[in-house]
Protein backbone atom coordinates (compact mmCIF):
# COMPACT_ATOMS: atom_id res chain seq x y z
CA MET A 1 25.11 18.98 103.75
CA PRO A 2 22.42 18.23 101.18
CA ASP A 3 22.66 14.93 99.40
CA ASN A 4 22.46 14.51 95.64
CA PRO A 5 23.34 18.08 94.64
CA LEU A 6 22.03 19.32 91.33
CA PRO A 7 24.44 19.02 88.37
CA THR A 8 26.41 22.06 87.31
CA ASN A 9 25.28 21.86 83.68
CA PRO A 10 22.25 24.22 83.37
CA GLU A 11 20.06 21.92 81.28
CA SER A 12 20.81 18.80 83.32
CA SER A 13 20.27 20.86 86.49
CA GLU A 14 16.84 21.90 85.30
CA ALA A 15 15.91 18.34 84.36
CA SER A 16 17.20 17.03 87.70
CA PHE A 17 15.24 19.69 89.55
CA LEU A 18 11.98 18.76 87.84
CA GLN A 19 12.53 15.05 88.49
CA ARG A 20 12.28 15.81 92.20
CA PHE A 21 8.65 16.83 91.65
CA SER A 22 7.33 13.83 89.77
CA PRO A 23 3.67 12.89 90.44
CA SER A 24 4.73 9.89 92.54
CA ARG A 25 6.79 12.11 94.83
CA ILE A 26 3.83 14.43 95.30
CA LEU A 27 1.16 11.74 95.75
CA LEU A 28 3.19 9.45 98.02
CA PRO A 29 3.22 11.73 101.10
CA VAL A 30 -0.48 12.52 100.60
CA VAL A 31 -1.37 8.83 100.51
CA ILE A 32 0.82 8.02 103.52
CA GLY A 33 -0.46 10.91 105.63
CA LEU A 34 -4.15 10.40 104.85
CA ALA A 35 -3.82 6.65 105.40
CA VAL A 36 -2.42 7.23 108.90
CA VAL A 37 -5.14 9.76 109.76
CA GLY A 38 -7.82 7.46 108.33
CA PHE A 39 -6.55 4.60 110.47
CA MET A 40 -6.58 6.86 113.55
CA PHE A 41 -10.20 7.82 112.88
CA TRP A 42 -11.19 4.19 112.28
CA ARG A 43 -9.57 3.06 115.52
CA SER A 44 -10.80 5.87 117.75
CA TYR A 45 -14.15 7.09 116.41
CA LYS A 46 -17.06 7.27 118.84
CA PRO A 47 -20.38 9.02 118.18
CA GLY A 48 -20.47 12.41 119.84
CA ASP A 49 -16.71 12.83 120.15
CA LEU A 50 -16.72 15.56 117.50
CA ALA A 51 -19.45 17.59 119.22
CA PRO A 52 -16.98 20.33 120.30
CA LEU A 53 -16.56 21.26 116.62
CA ALA A 54 -20.00 22.86 116.73
CA ASN A 55 -18.73 25.29 119.38
CA ALA A 56 -15.56 26.26 117.58
CA ARG A 57 -14.15 29.67 118.47
CA TRP A 58 -13.93 31.20 115.01
CA GLU A 59 -11.77 34.07 116.27
CA TRP A 60 -8.98 31.56 116.95
CA LEU A 61 -9.38 30.06 113.48
CA LEU A 62 -9.00 33.60 112.13
CA VAL A 63 -5.90 34.06 114.29
CA THR A 64 -4.49 30.82 112.84
CA LEU A 65 -5.03 32.14 109.31
CA LEU A 66 -3.40 35.45 110.21
CA VAL A 67 -0.43 33.68 111.79
CA LEU A 68 0.03 31.61 108.62
CA LEU A 69 -0.12 34.73 106.44
CA ALA A 70 2.23 36.62 108.75
CA ARG A 71 4.67 33.71 108.75
CA ASP A 72 4.79 33.55 104.96
CA ALA A 73 5.05 37.34 104.69
CA GLY A 74 7.94 37.12 107.14
CA TYR A 75 9.64 34.50 104.99
CA VAL A 76 9.22 36.70 101.91
CA TYR A 77 10.69 39.69 103.72
CA ARG A 78 13.55 37.62 105.14
CA ILE A 79 14.72 36.08 101.87
CA ARG A 80 14.50 39.45 100.10
CA HIS A 81 16.52 41.10 102.86
CA ILE A 82 19.10 38.31 103.09
CA ALA A 83 19.49 38.43 99.29
CA GLU A 84 20.28 42.15 99.65
CA ARG A 85 17.13 43.11 97.72
CA GLU A 86 18.31 41.43 94.55
CA LEU A 87 14.86 39.82 94.46
CA SER A 88 11.58 41.64 93.94
CA TYR A 89 8.66 40.83 96.23
CA ARG A 90 7.14 38.73 93.44
CA GLN A 91 10.38 36.77 93.03
CA SER A 92 10.69 36.36 96.80
CA LEU A 93 7.15 34.96 97.00
CA ASP A 94 7.91 32.46 94.23
CA VAL A 95 11.13 31.40 95.96
CA ILE A 96 9.37 30.83 99.30
CA MET A 97 6.43 28.92 97.82
CA ILE A 98 8.66 26.59 95.82
CA TRP A 99 11.05 26.20 98.76
CA GLU A 100 8.10 25.17 100.96
CA PHE A 101 6.85 22.87 98.21
CA ALA A 102 10.25 21.19 98.04
CA SER A 103 10.19 20.73 101.83
CA CYS A 104 6.86 18.92 101.46
CA VAL A 105 8.04 16.63 98.66
CA LEU A 106 11.56 15.83 99.85
CA PRO A 107 12.40 13.87 103.03
CA SER A 108 12.36 16.08 106.12
CA ALA A 109 16.00 15.26 106.85
CA VAL A 110 16.90 16.90 103.51
CA GLY A 111 14.21 19.55 103.20
CA GLY A 112 13.91 22.38 100.71
CA THR A 113 17.44 23.56 101.45
CA ALA A 114 18.70 20.88 99.07
CA VAL A 115 17.34 22.87 96.10
CA ALA A 116 17.21 26.38 97.59
CA SER A 117 20.47 27.63 96.07
CA PHE A 118 19.33 26.36 92.66
CA ILE A 119 16.04 28.26 93.00
CA LEU A 120 17.87 31.48 93.88
CA ASN A 121 20.35 30.95 91.07
CA LYS A 122 17.51 30.62 88.55
CA GLU A 123 16.24 33.99 89.77
CA GLY A 124 19.45 35.52 88.44
CA ILE A 125 21.56 35.49 91.61
CA PRO A 126 25.09 34.14 90.99
CA LEU A 127 25.67 30.67 92.39
CA GLY A 128 28.24 31.83 94.95
CA LYS A 129 25.83 34.39 96.36
CA SER A 130 22.96 31.89 96.26
CA LEU A 131 24.95 29.46 98.39
CA ALA A 132 25.88 32.25 100.78
CA TYR A 133 22.28 33.36 101.22
CA VAL A 134 21.08 29.80 101.84
CA MET A 135 23.82 29.37 104.44
CA VAL A 136 22.67 32.54 106.19
CA THR A 137 19.12 31.17 106.45
CA ALA A 138 20.43 27.82 107.70
CA LEU A 139 22.69 29.49 110.28
CA LEU A 140 19.93 31.75 111.60
CA ASP A 141 17.44 28.87 111.73
CA ASN A 142 19.91 26.82 113.75
CA LEU A 143 20.68 29.70 116.09
CA TYR A 144 16.97 30.21 116.78
CA TYR A 145 16.72 26.56 117.81
CA VAL A 146 19.87 26.80 119.96
CA LEU A 147 18.59 29.87 121.80
CA MET A 148 14.96 28.74 122.16
CA VAL A 149 15.60 25.28 123.61
CA PRO A 150 16.84 26.55 127.01
CA LEU A 151 13.83 28.86 127.15
CA VAL A 152 11.29 26.11 126.41
CA VAL A 153 13.00 23.79 128.90
CA LEU A 154 12.53 26.54 131.48
CA ILE A 155 8.86 26.91 130.51
CA ALA A 156 7.95 23.24 130.34
CA GLY A 157 10.49 21.54 132.60
CA LYS A 158 9.86 17.81 132.76
CA GLY A 159 6.63 18.33 130.85
CA LEU A 160 8.64 18.98 127.70
CA TYR A 161 8.17 15.25 127.05
CA PRO A 162 4.79 13.48 127.17
CA HIS A 163 4.71 12.10 130.75
CA GLU A 164 1.75 9.92 129.91
CA ALA A 165 4.00 7.86 127.65
CA LEU A 166 7.38 8.21 129.35
CA GLN A 167 7.73 4.49 129.89
CA SER A 168 7.55 3.72 126.19
CA THR A 169 10.70 3.03 124.24
CA PHE A 170 9.65 5.72 121.76
CA ILE A 171 9.62 8.52 124.32
CA ALA A 172 12.76 7.28 126.06
CA SER A 173 14.52 7.36 122.70
CA LEU A 174 13.10 10.80 122.02
CA ARG A 175 14.86 12.24 125.03
CA TYR A 176 18.21 11.09 123.73
CA ALA A 177 17.35 12.23 120.20
CA PHE A 178 16.39 15.67 121.51
CA ILE A 179 19.65 16.04 123.46
CA PHE A 180 21.69 14.69 120.56
CA SER A 181 20.00 17.01 118.06
CA TYR A 182 20.53 20.03 120.30
CA VAL A 183 24.22 19.28 120.78
CA GLY A 184 24.61 18.58 117.06
CA VAL A 185 22.80 21.75 115.94
CA THR A 186 24.75 23.83 118.46
CA ALA A 187 28.08 22.43 117.28
CA TYR A 188 27.16 22.90 113.62
CA ALA A 189 25.93 26.46 114.20
CA GLY A 190 29.19 27.27 115.99
CA LEU A 191 31.19 25.75 113.14
CA MET A 192 29.24 27.78 110.57
CA MET A 193 29.74 31.01 112.51
CA TYR A 194 33.47 30.39 112.78
CA ALA A 195 33.66 29.53 109.08
CA LEU A 196 31.63 32.50 107.86
CA PHE A 197 33.13 35.16 110.10
CA VAL A 198 36.56 34.00 111.28
CA ASN A 199 38.50 31.40 109.29
CA PRO A 200 36.64 29.45 106.58
CA HIS A 201 39.82 27.84 105.22
CA SER A 202 40.59 26.11 108.52
CA VAL A 203 37.03 24.77 108.67
CA ARG A 204 37.38 23.39 105.15
CA ARG A 205 40.59 21.61 106.17
CA PHE A 206 38.91 20.30 109.32
CA LEU A 207 35.99 18.85 107.35
CA VAL A 208 38.28 17.18 104.83
CA ARG A 209 40.38 15.59 107.57
CA LEU A 210 37.33 14.54 109.58
CA PHE A 211 35.73 12.89 106.58
CA SER A 212 38.99 11.15 105.72
CA LEU A 213 38.24 8.70 108.52
CA PRO A 214 37.32 5.29 107.10
CA VAL A 215 33.79 5.34 108.49
CA LEU A 216 33.11 8.77 106.94
CA ARG A 217 35.16 8.55 103.76
CA ARG A 218 32.18 8.03 101.45
CA TRP A 219 31.09 11.63 102.22
CA GLN A 220 34.54 13.18 101.80
CA ARG A 221 33.78 14.85 98.47
CA SER A 222 30.56 16.27 99.86
CA ALA A 223 32.44 17.56 102.92
CA TYR A 224 35.05 19.26 100.75
CA ARG A 225 32.33 20.84 98.63
CA HIS A 226 30.53 22.07 101.75
CA GLY A 227 33.79 23.52 103.09
CA GLN A 228 34.43 25.28 99.79
CA GLU A 229 30.89 26.68 99.87
CA MET A 230 31.63 28.13 103.30
CA VAL A 231 34.79 29.79 101.96
CA GLU A 232 32.84 31.35 99.09
CA ALA A 233 29.96 32.35 101.37
CA SER A 234 32.35 34.01 103.80
CA ALA A 235 33.80 36.11 101.00
CA GLN A 236 30.30 37.15 99.91
CA LEU A 237 28.98 38.03 103.36
CA ARG A 238 31.87 39.87 104.95
CA GLY A 239 31.27 43.58 104.96
CA ASN A 240 27.56 43.39 105.72
CA GLY A 241 26.86 45.75 108.59
CA PRO A 242 25.07 45.11 111.90
CA GLY A 243 21.76 46.29 110.41
CA TYR A 244 21.82 43.46 107.89
CA TRP A 245 22.28 40.83 110.59
CA TRP A 246 19.80 42.34 113.05
CA ARG A 247 17.01 42.42 110.47
CA ALA A 248 17.83 38.91 109.32
CA ALA A 249 17.86 37.63 112.91
CA LEU A 250 14.61 39.38 113.93
CA SER A 251 12.76 38.15 110.84
CA THR A 252 14.01 34.62 111.55
CA ALA A 253 12.75 34.80 115.14
CA PHE A 254 9.41 36.10 113.87
CA VAL A 255 8.80 33.37 111.28
CA TRP A 256 9.84 30.49 113.52
CA THR A 257 7.84 31.76 116.49
CA ALA A 258 4.80 31.99 114.22
CA ARG A 259 5.50 28.52 112.88
CA TYR A 260 5.63 26.98 116.36
CA ALA A 261 2.52 28.89 117.52
CA ILE A 262 0.16 27.43 114.90
CA ILE A 263 -0.64 24.22 116.80
CA GLY A 264 -1.61 26.20 119.89
CA CYS A 265 -3.86 28.49 117.83
CA LEU A 266 -5.66 25.51 116.28
CA ILE A 267 -6.19 23.73 119.59
CA ALA A 268 -7.44 26.96 121.21
CA ALA A 269 -10.15 27.15 118.54
CA PHE A 270 -11.79 24.00 119.95
CA VAL A 271 -10.49 23.60 123.50
CA PRO A 272 -10.42 26.40 126.10
CA MET A 273 -6.91 27.17 127.34
CA ASP A 274 -5.05 29.82 129.27
CA THR A 275 -1.76 31.53 128.46
CA ASN A 276 0.32 29.01 130.41
CA GLU A 277 -1.15 26.09 128.47
CA PHE A 278 -0.54 27.90 125.18
CA LEU A 279 3.13 28.45 126.09
CA PHE A 280 3.37 24.83 127.22
CA ILE A 281 2.09 23.62 123.83
CA PHE A 282 4.55 25.97 122.11
CA ALA A 283 7.40 24.47 124.14
CA ARG A 284 6.38 20.89 123.46
CA ASN A 285 6.11 21.67 119.74
CA ILE A 286 9.89 22.15 119.63
CA THR A 287 10.34 18.61 120.97
CA TYR A 288 7.77 17.37 118.45
CA LYS A 289 9.82 18.85 115.60
CA VAL A 290 12.74 16.59 116.52
CA ILE A 291 10.67 13.71 115.14
CA LEU A 292 10.39 15.50 111.81
CA LEU A 293 14.12 16.27 111.70
CA VAL A 294 14.94 12.57 111.47
CA ALA A 295 11.94 11.54 109.37
CA ILE A 296 12.83 9.74 106.14
CA THR A 297 9.42 10.17 104.51
CA PRO A 298 8.63 13.21 102.32
CA GLY A 299 7.63 16.07 104.58
CA GLY A 300 7.53 13.67 107.52
CA ALA A 301 4.31 12.18 106.10
CA GLY A 302 2.88 9.46 108.34
CA ILE A 303 5.41 10.15 111.08
CA ALA A 304 4.11 13.65 111.82
CA GLU A 305 0.53 12.38 111.95
CA GLY A 306 1.36 9.34 114.05
CA ALA A 307 3.39 11.27 116.64
CA PHE A 308 0.94 14.17 117.02
CA PRO A 309 -1.44 12.49 119.54
CA THR A 310 1.45 11.51 121.79
CA PHE A 311 2.56 15.11 122.15
CA PHE A 312 -0.71 17.03 122.04
CA GLY A 313 -3.55 14.55 122.67
CA LYS A 314 -3.76 15.41 126.38
CA PHE A 315 -4.56 19.04 125.54
CA ILE A 316 -7.37 18.13 123.14
CA GLY A 317 -9.45 15.46 124.86
CA THR A 318 -10.94 12.54 122.98
CA ALA A 319 -8.96 10.45 120.51
CA THR A 320 -11.46 11.23 117.76
CA LEU A 321 -11.11 14.98 118.23
CA THR A 322 -7.34 14.56 118.34
CA SER A 323 -7.48 12.73 115.00
CA PHE A 324 -9.46 15.62 113.56
CA MET A 325 -6.88 18.08 114.87
CA VAL A 326 -4.10 16.07 113.24
CA LEU A 327 -5.88 16.35 109.90
CA LEU A 328 -6.60 20.07 110.32
CA TYR A 329 -3.02 20.80 111.38
CA ARG A 330 -1.56 18.98 108.37
CA VAL A 331 -4.02 20.67 106.01
CA VAL A 332 -2.93 24.18 106.99
CA THR A 333 0.80 23.46 107.37
CA TYR A 334 1.43 20.76 104.76
CA TYR A 335 -1.27 19.96 102.21
CA LEU A 336 -1.89 23.66 101.65
CA TYR A 337 1.71 24.09 100.48
CA LEU A 338 1.51 21.06 98.23
CA VAL A 339 -1.42 22.75 96.49
CA LEU A 340 0.23 26.18 96.38
CA GLY A 341 3.48 24.66 95.14
CA SER A 342 1.64 22.88 92.33
CA ILE A 343 0.25 26.27 91.29
CA PHE A 344 3.44 28.29 91.64
CA LEU A 345 5.88 25.76 90.15
CA PRO A 346 4.63 25.71 86.51
CA ARG A 347 4.49 29.50 86.37
CA TRP A 348 7.95 29.81 87.87
CA VAL A 349 9.41 27.24 85.47
CA ALA A 350 7.90 29.07 82.50
CA ARG A 351 9.45 32.32 83.72
CA VAL A 352 12.99 31.32 84.67
CA PHE A 353 14.03 28.18 82.78
CA SER A 354 16.30 28.55 79.76
CA ARG A 355 13.96 26.61 77.46
CA PRO A 356 10.52 25.03 77.80
CA TYR A 357 10.42 21.85 79.84
CA ALA A 358 7.58 19.42 80.23
CA LEU A 359 6.51 19.43 83.86
CA PRO A 360 5.65 16.12 85.44
CA LYS A 361 1.99 15.49 84.67
CA GLY A 362 -0.21 16.69 87.48
CA CYS A 363 1.95 19.67 88.52
């Protein structure tokens, strides 16, 4: 349930939306992330450690670029399909770029989903449908995670966690966080499926009663609103045939598989590896993402960089080269979308907002 929903008044909604992209919100994660990487370089640098860069396998860098393009194309196709082709390809591209931008600027625990329904609504899709389409993406994303975790546990076994640091409190806590997140996501996905396809009214009542407990009462209004959104989404989505859900599910599997494969592609460009190692890195990446799920910084800035060596350093080699890989990984998966979002956002605002608004300086 996203916190701080946008107001229902159109003008105040637009102003509230733009406030989320103030220069400080954009610069803060950049400063945090680069400061962490800079500290890692300062602490670990040794002459000659970056020598492998001269022997980079450019074909793997090309593969990384193609995977990024394929992932984004998959996102564009998915949102257009889920929205029942009410969006053009141009509109779908704008939606995805701004959605990714919001994920970079907002805390990872909130993510771009907090503003996704607003973005779709501004593209001319009624609010009820917008909420339904966002719930479909959330449900499918959760189901991918639920189905992939048993597979990656089978692939990696005990190596799913960094053995070289298993005695640390951080890694011990990660195990519990991973199990807790999996149980939580599975339960929530099951609840969403029941609400969307079986009995949304009973789920709404359940949420209201659950959040009537004293310890949860402060979120009762949000729980009721979320339950009501499920009721409305269920009404919107019922009647869609199997073809709709198969295409939505396959495109979801495609984009998330591409997303998790990027780290392996980058490492392969500088460090020789076989197929088993590539799959192992893919599996460990799912554990790595648990860190980002609970991150309170925008886009996981600082936390993503700091945790990267623990999970992937053993596959790379020297600490200096690992620090370089952290920077390269964040450039192609994070800073790139900050730049693209800063380009797409002003054009999108000029196209869809009801009256001209002054963008935060620097956007």
